[in-house]
């Protein structure tokens, strides 16, 4: 597995914004689904980059952190 850094937007004008998350996933294709599931909302404007963080300590795909960017 790998750790990906995702920058994306979600929410409407009044409540939305841009966010940054670290996501552990098998492939880059799985990141959007994990984020949608975590936030219970569709993400948009998604940009994903592979991180240099060691993913070997994480047993399954998951969203590690999310911050308001």
Protein backbone atom coordinates (compact mmCIF):
# COMPACT_ATOMS: atom_id res chain seq x y z
CA UNK A 1 0.00 0.00 0.00
CA UNK A 2 0.94 3.65 -0.37
CA UNK A 3 0.15 6.92 1.38
CA UNK A 4 -1.32 9.61 -0.86
CA UNK A 5 -1.81 13.31 -0.21
CA UNK A 6 -5.14 14.52 -1.56
CA UNK A 7 -6.23 18.12 -1.99
CA UNK A 8 -9.89 18.59 -2.86
CA UNK A 9 -13.04 20.61 -2.34
CA UNK A 10 -16.44 19.62 -1.03
CA UNK A 11 -19.58 21.27 0.22
CA UNK A 12 -21.52 24.26 -0.96
CA UNK A 13 -20.62 27.93 -1.00
CA UNK A 14 -21.80 28.53 2.57
CA UNK A 15 -20.29 25.45 4.20
CA UNK A 16 -17.68 24.13 1.79
CA UNK A 17 -14.02 24.70 1.21
CA UNK A 18 -10.74 23.07 0.31
CA UNK A 19 -9.31 20.21 2.33
CA UNK A 20 -6.08 18.22 2.51
CA UNK A 21 -6.02 14.57 3.57
CA UNK A 22 -3.51 11.78 3.93
CA UNK A 23 -4.98 8.53 2.65
CA UNK A 24 -3.61 4.98 2.79
CA UNK A 25 -4.71 3.05 -0.30
CA UNK A 26 -3.62 0.22 -2.56
CA UNK A 27 -3.89 2.43 -5.64
CA UNK A 28 -4.53 6.07 -6.48
CA UNK A 29 -7.89 5.05 -7.95
CA UNK A 30 -9.18 4.11 -4.48
CA UNK A 31 -8.53 7.53 -2.89
CA UNK A 32 -11.71 9.26 -4.12
CA UNK A 33 -13.93 6.45 -2.84
CA UNK A 34 -12.28 6.46 0.58
CA UNK A 35 -12.69 10.24 0.86
CA UNK A 36 -16.35 10.10 -0.25
CA UNK A 37 -17.02 7.39 2.31
CA UNK A 38 -15.19 9.21 5.13
CA UNK A 39 -16.98 12.53 4.59
CA UNK A 40 -20.30 11.06 3.44
CA UNK A 41 -20.17 13.60 0.61
CA UNK A 42 -18.79 13.73 -2.94
CA UNK A 43 -15.40 15.40 -3.27
CA UNK A 44 -14.48 17.45 -6.34
CA UNK A 45 -11.43 19.19 -7.79
CA UNK A 46 -9.37 16.25 -6.52
CA UNK A 47 -5.58 16.35 -6.89
CA UNK A 48 -3.61 13.34 -5.65
CA UNK A 49 0.13 12.96 -5.13
CA UNK A 50 2.01 10.00 -3.76
CA UNK A 51 3.66 10.72 -0.42
CA UNK A 52 6.99 9.42 0.87
CA UNK A 53 5.41 8.27 4.16
CA UNK A 54 5.94 4.58 4.96
CA UNK A 55 2.60 2.81 4.60
CA UNK A 56 3.78 -0.57 5.90
CA UNK A 57 2.43 0.14 9.41
CA UNK A 58 -1.18 0.48 8.19
CA UNK A 59 -3.07 -2.81 7.85
CA UNK A 60 -5.93 -1.51 5.64
CA UNK A 61 -7.03 1.37 3.43
CA UNK A 62 -8.08 4.42 5.43
CA UNK A 63 -8.14 8.20 5.65
CA UNK A 64 -5.46 9.16 8.19
CA UNK A 65 -5.95 12.91 8.58
CA UNK A 66 -8.00 15.74 7.13
CA UNK A 67 -7.41 19.46 7.57
CA UNK A 68 -9.12 22.55 6.23
CA UNK A 69 -6.71 23.95 3.65
